[in-house]
């Protein structure tokens, strides 16, 4: 579970870095548009579309990460249940074996 949380943290940091870099890039492009309005009119439209695509990609990535975390949580619960049941089975088998040993050698 710790590995999953670490991976989720790393992915979150990567996404944050991407967003920061893209925001910086968008700010730089906006400054260029001020100086070259006519020349970059089309670029502005393209960048707006790209911004929407990036936001959509971030949203999808966030959903994928959350789905993965949820899946790992569910798997973790299943594994915990399995381990607990296995431990109970071992205890029960040990008790049965001890009882049979007592029945065979009551003075031990």
C-alpha atoms as a PDB file:
ATOM      1  CA  UNK A   1       0.000   0.000   0.000  1.00  0.00           C
ATOM      2  CA  UNK A   2       2.946   2.305   0.756  1.00  0.00           C
ATOM      3  CA  UNK A   3       4.298   1.703  -2.734  1.00  0.00           C
ATOM      4  CA  UNK A   4       0.948   2.666  -4.200  1.00  0.00           C
ATOM      5  CA  UNK A   5       0.786   5.834  -2.129  1.00  0.00           C
ATOM      6  CA  UNK A   6       4.358   6.724  -3.111  1.00  0.00           C
ATOM      7  CA  UNK A   7       3.556   6.144  -6.786  1.00  0.00           C
ATOM      8  CA  UNK A   8       0.381   8.224  -6.488  1.00  0.00           C
ATOM      9  CA  UNK A   9       2.403  10.994  -4.809  1.00  0.00           C
ATOM     10  CA  UNK A  10       5.045  10.850  -7.555  1.00  0.00           C
ATOM     11  CA  UNK A  11       2.393  10.979 -10.292  1.00  0.00           C
ATOM     12  CA  UNK A  12       0.697  13.893  -8.563  1.00  0.00           C
ATOM     13  CA  UNK A  13       3.990  15.770  -8.361  1.00  0.00           C
ATOM     14  CA  UNK A  14       4.655  15.067 -12.035  1.00  0.00           C
ATOM     15  CA  UNK A  15       1.218  16.376 -12.958  1.00  0.00           C
ATOM     16  CA  UNK A  16       1.752  19.490 -10.852  1.00  0.00           C
ATOM     17  CA  UNK A  17       5.111  20.095 -12.531  1.00  0.00           C
ATOM     18  CA  UNK A  18       3.512  19.676 -15.961  1.00  0.00           C
ATOM     19  CA  UNK A  19       0.730  22.108 -15.107  1.00  0.00           C
ATOM     20  CA  UNK A  20       3.189  24.684 -13.756  1.00  0.00           C
ATOM     21  CA  UNK A  21       5.378  24.424 -16.828  1.00  0.00           C
ATOM     22  CA  UNK A  22       2.394  24.688 -19.141  1.00  0.00           C
ATOM     23  CA  UNK A  23       1.055  27.706 -17.262  1.00  0.00           C
ATOM     24  CA  UNK A  24       4.460  29.360 -17.582  1.00  0.00           C
ATOM     25  CA  UNK A  25       4.464  28.538 -21.284  1.00  0.00           C
ATOM     26  CA  UNK A  26       0.993  29.982 -21.707  1.00  0.00           C
ATOM     27  CA  UNK A  27       2.082  33.191 -19.954  1.00  0.00           C
ATOM     28  CA  UNK A  28       5.100  33.488 -22.272  1.00  0.00           C
ATOM     29  CA  UNK A  29       2.915  32.965 -25.323  1.00  0.00           C
ATOM     30  CA  UNK A  30       0.458  35.613 -24.136  1.00  0.00           C
ATOM     31  CA  UNK A  31       3.342  38.110 -23.947  1.00  0.00           C
ATOM     32  CA  UNK A  32       4.280  37.267 -27.527  1.00  0.00           C
ATOM     33  CA  UNK A  33       0.679  37.802 -28.605  1.00  0.00           C
ATOM     34  CA  UNK A  34       0.794  41.329 -27.244  1.00  0.00           C
ATOM     35  CA  UNK A  35       3.777  42.125 -29.476  1.00  0.00           C
ATOM     36  CA  UNK A  36       2.592  40.200 -32.536  1.00  0.00           C
ATOM     37  CA  UNK A  37      -1.214  40.222 -32.379  1.00  0.00           C
ATOM     38  CA  UNK A  38      -1.945  39.801 -36.055  1.00  0.00           C
ATOM     39  CA  UNK A  39       0.760  37.214 -36.676  1.00  0.00           C
ATOM     40  CA  UNK A  40      -0.245  35.064 -33.730  1.00  0.00           C
ATOM     41  CA  UNK A  41      -4.042  35.347 -33.957  1.00  0.00           C
ATOM     42  CA  UNK A  42      -4.385  31.757 -35.079  1.00  0.00           C
ATOM     43  CA  UNK A  43      -1.886  30.554 -32.501  1.00  0.00           C
ATOM     44  CA  UNK A  44      -4.049  31.969 -29.720  1.00  0.00           C
ATOM     45  CA  UNK A  45      -6.979  29.827 -30.847  1.00  0.00           C
ATOM     46  CA  UNK A  46      -4.745  26.769 -31.071  1.00  0.00           C
ATOM     47  CA  UNK A  47      -3.333  27.373 -27.607  1.00  0.00           C
ATOM     48  CA  UNK A  48      -6.809  27.690 -26.130  1.00  0.00           C
ATOM     49  CA  UNK A  49      -7.703  24.359 -27.685  1.00  0.00           C
ATOM     50  CA  UNK A  50      -4.473  22.876 -26.343  1.00  0.00           C
ATOM     51  CA  UNK A  51      -5.221  24.238 -22.888  1.00  0.00           C
ATOM     52  CA  UNK A  52      -8.590  22.481 -22.970  1.00  0.00           C
ATOM     53  CA  UNK A  53      -6.933  19.275 -24.146  1.00  0.00           C
ATOM     54  CA  UNK A  54      -4.370  19.497 -21.337  1.00  0.00           C
ATOM     55  CA  UNK A  55      -7.086  20.090 -18.760  1.00  0.00           C
ATOM     56  CA  UNK A  56      -9.012  17.128 -20.153  1.00  0.00           C
ATOM     57  CA  UNK A  57      -5.868  14.977 -20.032  1.00  0.00           C
ATOM     58  CA  UNK A  58      -5.199  15.992 -16.441  1.00  0.00           C
ATOM     59  CA  UNK A  59      -8.787  15.145 -15.543  1.00  0.00           C
ATOM     60  CA  UNK A  60      -8.527  11.728 -17.218  1.00  0.00           C
ATOM     61  CA  UNK A  61      -5.159  11.033 -15.544  1.00  0.00           C
ATOM     62  CA  UNK A  62      -6.613  12.001 -12.179  1.00  0.00           C
ATOM     63  CA  UNK A  63      -9.531   9.609 -12.700  1.00  0.00           C
ATOM     64  CA  UNK A  64      -7.175   6.803 -13.738  1.00  0.00           C
ATOM     65  CA  UNK A  65      -5.036   7.359 -10.645  1.00  0.00           C
ATOM     66  CA  UNK A  66      -8.097   7.378  -8.393  1.00  0.00           C
ATOM     67  CA  UNK A  67      -9.484   4.224 -10.039  1.00  0.00           C
ATOM     68  CA  UNK A  68      -6.113   2.515  -9.566  1.00  0.00           C
ATOM     69  CA  UNK A  69      -5.995   3.514  -5.902  1.00  0.00           C
ATOM     70  CA  UNK A  70      -9.546   2.241  -5.416  1.00  0.00           C
ATOM     71  CA  UNK A  71      -8.640  -1.036  -7.109  1.00  0.00           C
ATOM     72  CA  UNK A  72      -5.580  -1.441  -4.896  1.00  0.00           C
ATOM     73  CA  UNK A  73      -7.673  -0.687  -1.809  1.00  0.00           C
ATOM     74  CA  UNK A  74     -10.179  -3.369  -2.803  1.00  0.00           C
ATOM     75  CA  UNK A  75      -7.371  -5.839  -3.465  1.00  0.00           C
ATOM     76  CA  UNK A  76      -5.803  -4.958  -0.125  1.00  0.00           C
ATOM     77  CA  UNK A  77      -9.063  -5.694   1.678  1.00  0.00           C
ATOM     78  CA  UNK A  78      -9.335  -9.038  -0.121  1.00  0.00           C
ATOM     79  CA  UNK A  79      -5.754  -9.920   0.795  1.00  0.00           C
ATOM     80  CA  UNK A  80      -6.281  -8.943   4.431  1.00  0.00           C
ATOM     81  CA  UNK A  81      -9.379 -11.129   4.566  1.00  0.00           C
ATOM     82  CA  UNK A  82      -7.460 -14.011   2.973  1.00  0.00           C
ATOM     83  CA  UNK A  83      -4.549 -13.655   5.414  1.00  0.00           C
ATOM     84  CA  UNK A  84      -6.899 -13.505   8.388  1.00  0.00           C
ATOM     85  CA  UNK A  85      -8.780 -16.605   7.182  1.00  0.00           C
ATOM     86  CA  UNK A  86      -5.490 -18.416   6.566  1.00  0.00           C
ATOM     87  CA  UNK A  87      -4.290 -17.549  10.066  1.00  0.00           C
ATOM     88  CA  UNK A  88      -7.552 -18.842  11.516  1.00  0.00           C
ATOM     89  CA  UNK A  89      -7.189 -22.055   9.499  1.00  0.00           C
ATOM     90  CA  UNK A  90      -3.631 -22.555  10.781  1.00  0.00           C
ATOM     91  CA  UNK A  91      -4.728 -21.992  14.388  1.00  0.00           C
ATOM     92  CA  UNK A  92      -7.618 -24.404  13.951  1.00  0.00           C
ATOM     93  CA  UNK A  93      -5.404 -27.056  12.335  1.00  0.00           C
ATOM     94  CA  UNK A  94      -2.850 -26.650  15.140  1.00  0.00           C
ATOM     95  CA  UNK A  95      -5.552 -27.038  17.785  1.00  0.00           C
ATOM     96  CA  UNK A  96      -6.892 -30.163  16.072  1.00  0.00           C
ATOM     97  CA  UNK A  97      -3.370 -31.618  15.932  1.00  0.00           C
ATOM     98  CA  UNK A  98      -2.749 -30.778  19.600  1.00  0.00           C
ATOM     99  CA  UNK A  99      -6.067 -32.365  20.580  1.00  0.00           C
ATOM    100  CA  UNK A 100      -5.243 -35.532  18.656  1.00  0.00           C
ATOM    101  CA  UNK A 101      -1.786 -35.662  20.291  1.00  0.00           C
ATOM    102  CA  UNK A 102      -3.399 -35.300  23.737  1.00  0.00           C
ATOM    103  CA  UNK A 103      -5.824 -38.103  22.949  1.00  0.00           C
ATOM    104  CA  UNK A 104      -2.970 -40.393  21.888  1.00  0.00           C
ATOM    105  CA  UNK A 105      -0.682 -39.441  24.805  1.00  0.00           C
ATOM    106  CA  UNK A 106      -2.857 -38.106  27.624  1.00  0.00           C
ATOM    107  CA  UNK A 107       0.034 -37.864  30.148  1.00  0.00           C
ATOM    108  CA  UNK A 108       2.221 -35.636  27.996  1.00  0.00           C
END
